[in-house]
Amino acid sequence: MPLDAGSPNENLRATLDALNLDLAFSSHKLADVNMARCSLAGVWLLHDFLDESHAISQHIATPTGSYWHGIMHRREGDFSNAKYWFDRVGDHPVFAELAATDGSAWDAHRLVDECERALRDGDLQQIAALRQVQQREWQALFDFCYRAAVGEREA
């Protein structure tokens, strides 16, 4: 995924439009509908459909919904709004997984600032590094949501 809004993968639009909770979770009984909806918001975001992801996440009044909402605003370049939504997240369970290898805590605000600076400066090396961080963040959050949606972990 790019750090910015990217370009929606229009080849997948019809498939994503057809994706709903029943289809996406057809082999499971849903344990947490909001976490299932968060998973869908993440899938749309993965394929650069920011508006569609936003339409889902903005109606999920949970820390995890706010987390997806914050990522979407960070990617669209609305950095102050991203920080607002990250403030609403609090201390999310995935933060421990995302903590730096040096033991420092995950800081969503710092990532927003680093993305803003790298995009503004056109620092290709930093953008590449931050894309890896963002991918790790997406994967951790998506895994958390999916496992909670199907009852493999508590949200």
N, C-alpha and C. Protein backbone atom coordinates (compact mmCIF):
# COMPACT_ATOMS: atom_id res chain seq x y z
N MET A 1 0.84 -1.19 0.00
CA MET A 1 0.00 0.00 0.00
C MET A 1 0.89 1.25 0.00
N PRO A 2 0.48 2.24 -0.74
CA PRO A 2 1.22 3.50 -0.69
C PRO A 2 0.94 4.24 0.62
N LEU A 3 1.79 5.19 0.94
CA LEU A 3 1.54 6.02 2.13
C LEU A 3 0.42 7.00 1.89
N ASP A 4 0.24 7.37 0.63
CA ASP A 4 -0.81 8.34 0.31
C ASP A 4 -2.08 7.60 -0.13
N ALA A 5 -2.98 8.30 -0.75
CA ALA A 5 -4.27 7.71 -1.13
C ALA A 5 -4.12 6.60 -2.16
N GLY A 6 -3.09 6.65 -2.96
CA GLY A 6 -2.92 5.62 -3.97
C GLY A 6 -3.99 5.71 -5.04
N SER A 7 -4.11 4.65 -5.81
CA SER A 7 -5.12 4.55 -6.87
C SER A 7 -5.93 3.29 -6.64
N PRO A 8 -7.23 3.42 -6.48
CA PRO A 8 -8.06 2.23 -6.24
C PRO A 8 -7.85 1.18 -7.32
N ASN A 9 -7.82 -0.06 -6.90
CA ASN A 9 -7.67 -1.19 -7.82
C ASN A 9 -9.04 -1.49 -8.43
N GLU A 10 -9.34 -0.79 -9.51
CA GLU A 10 -10.66 -0.89 -10.13
C GLU A 10 -10.96 -2.30 -10.64
N ASN A 11 -9.92 -3.10 -10.91
CA ASN A 11 -10.16 -4.47 -11.33
C ASN A 11 -10.84 -5.30 -10.25
N LEU A 12 -10.72 -4.85 -8.99
CA LEU A 12 -11.34 -5.57 -7.88
C LEU A 12 -12.65 -4.95 -7.41
N ARG A 13 -13.06 -3.83 -7.98
CA ARG A 13 -14.25 -3.14 -7.48
C ARG A 13 -15.48 -4.04 -7.42
N ALA A 14 -15.77 -4.76 -8.48
CA ALA A 14 -16.97 -5.60 -8.51
C ALA A 14 -16.89 -6.68 -7.42
N THR A 15 -15.72 -7.25 -7.25
CA THR A 15 -15.55 -8.27 -6.21
C THR A 15 -15.76 -7.67 -4.82
N LEU A 16 -15.16 -6.51 -4.60
CA LEU A 16 -15.31 -5.86 -3.29
C LEU A 16 -16.73 -5.37 -3.07
N ASP A 17 -17.37 -4.87 -4.12
CA ASP A 17 -18.77 -4.45 -3.99
C ASP A 17 -19.67 -5.61 -3.56
N ALA A 18 -19.35 -6.81 -4.03
CA ALA A 18 -20.16 -7.99 -3.70
C ALA A 18 -19.83 -8.55 -2.32
N LEU A 19 -18.71 -8.11 -1.75
CA LEU A 19 -18.27 -8.64 -0.46
C LEU A 19 -19.12 -8.06 0.66
N ASN A 20 -19.73 -8.92 1.41
CA ASN A 20 -20.50 -8.51 2.59
C ASN A 20 -20.14 -9.45 3.73
N LEU A 21 -20.69 -9.21 4.90
CA LEU A 21 -20.33 -10.02 6.05
C LEU A 21 -20.68 -11.49 5.86
N ASP A 22 -21.85 -11.76 5.26
CA ASP A 22 -22.25 -13.15 5.05
C ASP A 22 -21.27 -13.89 4.14
N LEU A 23 -20.86 -13.24 3.07
CA LEU A 23 -19.92 -13.86 2.14
C LEU A 23 -18.52 -13.96 2.74
N ALA A 24 -18.05 -12.88 3.31
CA ALA A 24 -16.69 -12.85 3.84
C ALA A 24 -16.48 -13.84 4.99
N PHE A 25 -17.52 -14.07 5.76
CA PHE A 25 -17.41 -14.93 6.94
C PHE A 25 -18.33 -16.15 6.82
N SER A 26 -18.54 -16.62 5.61
CA SER A 26 -19.49 -17.71 5.37
C SER A 26 -19.12 -19.00 6.08
N SER A 27 -17.86 -19.22 6.36
CA SER A 27 -17.45 -20.47 7.02
C SER A 27 -17.39 -20.33 8.54
N HIS A 28 -17.83 -19.19 9.07
CA HIS A 28 -17.77 -18.95 10.51
C HIS A 28 -19.08 -18.35 11.00
N LYS A 29 -19.36 -18.60 12.25
CA LYS A 29 -20.43 -17.87 12.93
C LYS A 29 -19.77 -16.63 13.53
N LEU A 30 -20.32 -15.48 13.21
CA LEU A 30 -19.71 -14.25 13.70
C LEU A 30 -19.86 -14.12 15.21
N ALA A 31 -18.74 -13.84 15.85
CA ALA A 31 -18.73 -13.59 17.29
C ALA A 31 -18.80 -12.09 17.58
N ASP A 32 -18.36 -11.26 16.63
CA ASP A 32 -18.33 -9.81 16.83
C ASP A 32 -18.55 -9.12 15.48
N VAL A 33 -19.74 -8.61 15.27
CA VAL A 33 -20.11 -8.00 14.00
C VAL A 33 -19.27 -6.74 13.74
N ASN A 34 -19.02 -5.95 14.77
CA ASN A 34 -18.21 -4.74 14.55
C ASN A 34 -16.80 -5.09 14.09
N MET A 35 -16.23 -6.14 14.65
CA MET A 35 -14.89 -6.53 14.21
C MET A 35 -14.93 -7.08 12.79
N ALA A 36 -16.01 -7.72 12.42
CA ALA A 36 -16.15 -8.17 11.03
C ALA A 36 -16.24 -6.97 10.10
N ARG A 37 -17.00 -5.96 10.50
CA ARG A 37 -17.09 -4.74 9.70
C ARG A 37 -15.73 -4.05 9.61
N CYS A 38 -14.99 -4.05 10.70
CA CYS A 38 -13.63 -3.48 10.67
C CYS A 38 -12.76 -4.24 9.67
N SER A 39 -12.91 -5.54 9.61
CA SER A 39 -12.15 -6.34 8.64
C SER A 39 -12.47 -5.88 7.22
N LEU A 40 -13.74 -5.65 6.94
CA LEU A 40 -14.12 -5.18 5.61
C LEU A 40 -13.54 -3.80 5.32
N ALA A 41 -13.55 -2.92 6.32
CA ALA A 41 -12.95 -1.59 6.13
C ALA A 41 -11.47 -1.74 5.77
N GLY A 42 -10.80 -2.68 6.42
CA GLY A 42 -9.39 -2.93 6.13
C GLY A 42 -9.16 -3.47 4.73
N VAL A 43 -10.04 -4.34 4.26
CA VAL A 43 -9.89 -4.89 2.90
C VAL A 43 -10.04 -3.78 1.86
N TRP A 44 -11.05 -2.92 2.04
CA TRP A 44 -11.21 -1.80 1.11
C TRP A 44 -9.98 -0.90 1.12
N LEU A 45 -9.44 -0.64 2.30
CA LEU A 45 -8.27 0.21 2.43
C LEU A 45 -7.04 -0.43 1.77
N LEU A 46 -6.91 -1.73 1.91
CA LEU A 46 -5.78 -2.44 1.32
C LEU A 46 -5.71 -2.21 -0.19
N HIS A 47 -6.87 -2.08 -0.81
CA HIS A 47 -6.93 -1.91 -2.26
C HIS A 47 -7.15 -0.45 -2.68
N ASP A 48 -6.86 0.47 -1.76
CA ASP A 48 -6.85 1.91 -2.00
C ASP A 48 -8.23 2.52 -2.27
N PHE A 49 -9.26 1.90 -1.78
CA PHE A 49 -10.61 2.46 -1.85
C PHE A 49 -10.88 3.18 -0.53
N LEU A 50 -10.32 4.37 -0.41
CA LEU A 50 -10.40 5.10 0.85
C LEU A 50 -11.82 5.52 1.19
N ASP A 51 -12.59 5.98 0.21
CA ASP A 51 -13.96 6.41 0.49
C ASP A 51 -14.81 5.26 1.01
N GLU A 52 -14.66 4.10 0.41
CA GLU A 52 -15.45 2.94 0.83
C GLU A 52 -15.03 2.47 2.22
N SER A 53 -13.74 2.48 2.48
CA SER A 53 -13.24 2.12 3.81
C SER A 53 -13.78 3.12 4.85
N HIS A 54 -13.73 4.38 4.50
CA HIS A 54 -14.21 5.44 5.39
C HIS A 54 -15.69 5.29 5.69
N ALA A 55 -16.48 4.94 4.67
CA ALA A 55 -17.93 4.78 4.86
C ALA A 55 -18.24 3.69 5.88
N ILE A 56 -17.36 2.72 5.99
CA ILE A 56 -17.55 1.65 6.98
C ILE A 56 -17.01 2.08 8.34
N SER A 57 -15.76 2.50 8.38
CA SER A 57 -15.10 2.75 9.67
C SER A 57 -15.71 3.91 10.45
N GLN A 58 -16.24 4.90 9.75
CA GLN A 58 -16.77 6.06 10.48
C GLN A 58 -18.02 5.72 11.27
N HIS A 59 -18.62 4.57 11.02
CA HIS A 59 -19.83 4.17 11.74
C HIS A 59 -19.57 3.08 12.77
N ILE A 60 -18.31 2.82 13.06
CA ILE A 60 -17.96 1.82 14.07
C ILE A 60 -17.37 2.56 15.26
N ALA A 61 -18.18 2.76 16.27
CA ALA A 61 -17.79 3.58 17.42
C ALA A 61 -17.05 2.74 18.46
N THR A 62 -15.92 2.18 18.03
CA THR A 62 -15.07 1.40 18.92
C THR A 62 -13.63 1.88 18.70
N PRO A 63 -12.73 1.55 19.61
CA PRO A 63 -11.33 1.91 19.39
C PRO A 63 -10.79 1.35 18.06
N THR A 64 -11.18 0.15 17.70
CA THR A 64 -10.69 -0.45 16.46
C THR A 64 -11.28 0.24 15.24
N GLY A 65 -12.55 0.60 15.30
CA GLY A 65 -13.13 1.38 14.21
C GLY A 65 -12.41 2.71 14.06
N SER A 66 -12.08 3.34 15.18
CA SER A 66 -11.33 4.60 15.15
C SER A 66 -9.93 4.39 14.57
N TYR A 67 -9.35 3.24 14.85
CA TYR A 67 -8.01 2.95 14.32
C TYR A 67 -8.05 2.90 12.79
N TRP A 68 -8.99 2.14 12.22
CA TRP A 68 -9.12 2.10 10.76
C TRP A 68 -9.42 3.49 10.20
N HIS A 69 -10.25 4.23 10.89
CA HIS A 69 -10.61 5.59 10.48
C HIS A 69 -9.35 6.47 10.45
N GLY A 70 -8.52 6.35 11.47
CA GLY A 70 -7.28 7.13 11.53
C GLY A 70 -6.31 6.77 10.41
N ILE A 71 -6.17 5.48 10.13
CA ILE A 71 -5.29 5.06 9.04
C ILE A 71 -5.78 5.65 7.72
N MET A 72 -7.09 5.58 7.49
CA MET A 72 -7.64 6.11 6.25
C MET A 72 -7.32 7.60 6.11
N HIS A 73 -7.52 8.38 7.17
CA HIS A 73 -7.23 9.82 7.10
C HIS A 73 -5.73 10.09 6.94
N ARG A 74 -4.90 9.27 7.55
CA ARG A 74 -3.45 9.43 7.36
C ARG A 74 -3.10 9.22 5.89
N ARG A 75 -3.68 8.21 5.29
CA ARG A 75 -3.39 7.92 3.88
C ARG A 75 -3.94 8.99 2.95
N GLU A 76 -5.06 9.58 3.29
CA GLU A 76 -5.62 10.61 2.40
C GLU A 76 -4.88 11.94 2.57
N GLY A 77 -4.01 12.02 3.57
CA GLY A 77 -3.22 13.24 3.77
C GLY A 77 -3.87 14.23 4.71
N ASP A 78 -4.92 13.84 5.41
CA ASP A 78 -5.56 14.70 6.40
C ASP A 78 -4.96 14.34 7.76
N PHE A 79 -3.73 14.80 7.97
CA PHE A 79 -2.92 14.34 9.09
C PHE A 79 -3.47 14.75 10.45
N SER A 80 -4.00 15.95 10.57
CA SER A 80 -4.56 16.36 11.87
C SER A 80 -5.80 15.54 12.20
N ASN A 81 -6.61 15.23 11.21
CA ASN A 81 -7.80 14.41 11.44
C ASN A 81 -7.39 12.98 11.79
N ALA A 82 -6.33 12.49 11.18
CA ALA A 82 -5.82 11.16 11.54
C ALA A 82 -5.45 11.12 13.02
N LYS A 83 -4.76 12.16 13.48
CA LYS A 83 -4.37 12.20 14.89
C LYS A 83 -5.59 12.26 15.80
N TYR A 84 -6.62 12.97 15.39
CA TYR A 84 -7.87 13.02 16.17
C TYR A 84 -8.40 11.60 16.37
N TRP A 85 -8.45 10.82 15.29
CA TRP A 85 -8.99 9.46 15.39
C TRP A 85 -8.06 8.55 16.16
N PHE A 86 -6.75 8.75 16.04
CA PHE A 86 -5.83 7.94 16.83
C PHE A 86 -5.95 8.27 18.31
N ASP A 87 -6.29 9.51 18.65
CA ASP A 87 -6.55 9.85 20.05
C ASP A 87 -7.71 9.04 20.60
N ARG A 88 -8.68 8.75 19.76
CA ARG A 88 -9.87 7.99 20.18
C ARG A 88 -9.58 6.50 20.33
N VAL A 89 -8.46 6.06 19.78
CA VAL A 89 -8.10 4.64 19.86
C VAL A 89 -7.68 4.26 21.27
N GLY A 90 -6.95 5.13 21.93
CA GLY A 90 -6.40 4.80 23.25
C GLY A 90 -5.24 3.84 23.10
N ASP A 91 -5.10 2.93 24.04
CA ASP A 91 -4.02 1.94 24.03
C ASP A 91 -4.56 0.65 23.42
N HIS A 92 -4.42 0.52 22.13
CA HIS A 92 -5.00 -0.62 21.41
C HIS A 92 -4.18 -1.89 21.64
N PRO A 93 -4.83 -3.06 21.69
CA PRO A 93 -4.10 -4.31 21.90
C PRO A 93 -3.02 -4.61 20.86
N VAL A 94 -3.14 -4.11 19.63
CA VAL A 94 -2.10 -4.40 18.62
C VAL A 94 -0.84 -3.57 18.83
N PHE A 95 -0.91 -2.54 19.67
CA PHE A 95 0.27 -1.71 19.88
C PHE A 95 1.46 -2.52 20.38
N ALA A 96 1.22 -3.49 21.25
CA ALA A 96 2.32 -4.30 21.77
C ALA A 96 3.02 -5.04 20.64
N GLU A 97 2.25 -5.55 19.69
CA GLU A 97 2.82 -6.25 18.54
C GLU A 97 3.60 -5.30 17.64
N LEU A 98 3.18 -4.03 17.59
CA LEU A 98 3.80 -3.05 16.72
C LEU A 98 4.96 -2.30 17.35
N ALA A 99 5.19 -2.53 18.64
CA ALA A 99 6.28 -1.83 19.33
C ALA A 99 7.60 -2.08 18.61
N ALA A 100 8.46 -1.11 18.67
CA ALA A 100 9.76 -1.19 17.98
C ALA A 100 10.61 -2.29 18.60
N THR A 101 11.52 -2.80 17.82
CA THR A 101 12.41 -3.85 18.31
C THR A 101 13.30 -3.37 19.45
N ASP A 102 13.45 -2.05 19.58
CA ASP A 102 14.26 -1.52 20.69
C ASP A 102 13.44 -1.41 21.97
N GLY A 103 12.17 -1.85 21.92
CA GLY A 103 11.33 -1.84 23.11
C GLY A 103 10.51 -0.58 23.29
N SER A 104 10.70 0.42 22.42
CA SER A 104 9.91 1.64 22.57
C SER A 104 8.47 1.38 22.12
N ALA A 105 7.55 2.07 22.76
CA ALA A 105 6.11 1.87 22.52
C ALA A 105 5.72 2.34 21.13
N TRP A 106 4.64 1.76 20.62
CA TRP A 106 4.06 2.19 19.34
C TRP A 106 3.48 3.57 19.53
N ASP A 107 3.75 4.45 18.59
CA ASP A 107 3.26 5.83 18.66
C ASP A 107 2.62 6.18 17.33
N ALA A 108 1.29 6.10 17.28
CA ALA A 108 0.55 6.37 16.04
C ALA A 108 0.75 7.81 15.59
N HIS A 109 0.86 8.74 16.52
CA HIS A 109 1.09 10.15 16.16
C HIS A 109 2.44 10.33 15.48
N ARG A 110 3.45 9.65 16.01
CA ARG A 110 4.78 9.76 15.40
C ARG A 110 4.76 9.22 13.97
N LEU A 111 4.03 8.12 13.75
CA LEU A 111 3.94 7.59 12.40
C LEU A 111 3.25 8.57 11.47
N VAL A 112 2.20 9.24 11.96
CA VAL A 112 1.54 10.27 11.14
C VAL A 112 2.54 11.35 10.76
N ASP A 113 3.29 11.82 11.75
CA ASP A 113 4.28 12.88 11.48
C ASP A 113 5.35 12.42 10.50
N GLU A 114 5.82 11.20 10.66
CA GLU A 114 6.86 10.68 9.77
C GLU A 114 6.32 10.53 8.34
N CYS A 115 5.07 10.05 8.20
CA CYS A 115 4.48 9.93 6.87
C CYS A 115 4.31 11.30 6.23
N GLU A 116 3.82 12.26 7.00
CA GLU A 116 3.63 13.61 6.47
C GLU A 116 4.95 14.19 5.98
N ARG A 117 5.99 14.05 6.80
CA ARG A 117 7.30 14.61 6.45
C ARG A 117 7.89 13.91 5.22
N ALA A 118 7.82 12.59 5.17
CA ALA A 118 8.38 11.85 4.04
C ALA A 118 7.66 12.18 2.74
N LEU A 119 6.33 12.28 2.81
CA LEU A 119 5.57 12.62 1.60
C LEU A 119 5.84 14.05 1.16
N ARG A 120 5.91 14.96 2.12
CA ARG A 120 6.18 16.37 1.80
C ARG A 120 7.55 16.53 1.16
N ASP A 121 8.54 15.84 1.72
CA ASP A 121 9.92 15.97 1.26
C ASP A 121 10.23 15.09 0.05
N GLY A 122 9.33 14.17 -0.26
CA GLY A 122 9.59 13.25 -1.37
C GLY A 122 10.76 12.32 -1.10
N ASP A 123 10.97 11.99 0.17
CA ASP A 123 12.09 11.15 0.59
C ASP A 123 11.76 9.69 0.27
N LEU A 124 12.23 9.22 -0.90
CA LEU A 124 11.85 7.89 -1.38
C LEU A 124 12.33 6.77 -0.47
N GLN A 125 13.50 6.94 0.12
CA GLN A 125 14.00 5.91 1.03
C GLN A 125 13.11 5.83 2.27
N GLN A 126 12.76 6.97 2.82
CA GLN A 126 11.91 6.99 4.01
C GLN A 126 10.50 6.50 3.68
N ILE A 127 10.00 6.87 2.52
CA ILE A 127 8.67 6.41 2.09
C ILE A 127 8.66 4.88 2.01
N ALA A 128 9.69 4.30 1.43
CA ALA A 128 9.77 2.84 1.31
C ALA A 128 9.79 2.18 2.69
N ALA A 129 10.56 2.76 3.62
CA ALA A 129 10.63 2.20 4.97
C ALA A 129 9.28 2.33 5.68
N LEU A 130 8.63 3.46 5.52
CA LEU A 130 7.34 3.68 6.18
C LEU A 130 6.25 2.81 5.58
N ARG A 131 6.34 2.52 4.30
CA ARG A 131 5.38 1.61 3.68
C ARG A 131 5.47 0.23 4.33
N GLN A 132 6.66 -0.21 4.68
CA GLN A 132 6.82 -1.50 5.35
C GLN A 132 6.20 -1.45 6.75
N VAL A 133 6.41 -0.35 7.44
CA VAL A 133 5.81 -0.19 8.77
C VAL A 133 4.29 -0.19 8.63
N GLN A 134 3.78 0.55 7.67
CA GLN A 134 2.34 0.62 7.46
C GLN A 134 1.75 -0.75 7.11
N GLN A 135 2.47 -1.52 6.30
CA GLN A 135 1.99 -2.86 5.94
C GLN A 135 1.93 -3.75 7.17
N ARG A 136 2.94 -3.65 8.02
CA ARG A 136 2.95 -4.43 9.27
C ARG A 136 1.80 -4.02 10.17
N GLU A 137 1.53 -2.71 10.21
CA GLU A 137 0.42 -2.19 11.00
C GLU A 137 -0.91 -2.73 10.46
N TRP A 138 -1.09 -2.66 9.13
CA TRP A 138 -2.33 -3.15 8.52
C TRP A 138 -2.52 -4.62 8.85
N GLN A 139 -1.46 -5.42 8.68
CA GLN A 139 -1.57 -6.85 8.91
C GLN A 139 -1.93 -7.16 10.35
N ALA A 140 -1.27 -6.50 11.29
CA ALA A 140 -1.56 -6.74 12.71
C ALA A 140 -2.99 -6.37 13.05
N LEU A 141 -3.45 -5.22 12.55
CA LEU A 141 -4.80 -4.78 12.86
C LEU A 141 -5.83 -5.67 12.18
N PHE A 142 -5.59 -6.04 10.92
CA PHE A 142 -6.53 -6.91 10.22
C PHE A 142 -6.61 -8.27 10.92
N ASP A 143 -5.48 -8.84 11.27
CA ASP A 143 -5.48 -10.14 11.96
C ASP A 143 -6.24 -10.05 13.27
N PHE A 144 -6.01 -9.00 14.02
CA PHE A 144 -6.72 -8.78 15.28
C PHE A 144 -8.23 -8.75 15.04
N CYS A 145 -8.65 -7.99 14.04
CA CYS A 145 -10.08 -7.86 13.74
C CYS A 145 -10.69 -9.18 13.31
N TYR A 146 -10.02 -9.86 12.39
CA TYR A 146 -10.56 -11.11 11.87
C TYR A 146 -10.70 -12.14 12.99
N ARG A 147 -9.65 -12.30 13.80
CA ARG A 147 -9.70 -13.28 14.89
C ARG A 147 -10.81 -12.94 15.88
N ALA A 148 -10.99 -11.66 16.18
CA ALA A 148 -12.07 -11.27 17.09
C ALA A 148 -13.43 -11.49 16.43
N ALA A 149 -13.54 -11.23 15.15
CA ALA A 149 -14.82 -11.41 14.44
C ALA A 149 -15.28 -12.85 14.49
N VAL A 150 -14.34 -13.79 14.38
CA VAL A 150 -14.72 -15.21 14.35
C VAL A 150 -14.60 -15.87 15.72
N GLY A 151 -14.31 -15.09 16.75
CA GLY A 151 -14.28 -15.62 18.10
C GLY A 151 -13.01 -16.30 18.51
N GLU A 152 -11.93 -16.07 17.80
CA GLU A 152 -10.65 -16.68 18.17
C GLU A 152 -9.89 -15.85 19.19
N ARG A 153 -10.38 -14.65 19.45
CA ARG A 153 -9.79 -13.79 20.47
C ARG A 153 -10.83 -12.77 20.88
N GLU A 154 -10.66 -12.20 22.06
CA GLU A 154 -11.57 -11.16 22.52
C GLU A 154 -11.12 -9.83 21.97
N ALA A 155 -12.08 -8.99 21.61
CA ALA A 155 -11.76 -7.67 21.05
C ALA A 155 -11.33 -6.71 22.12
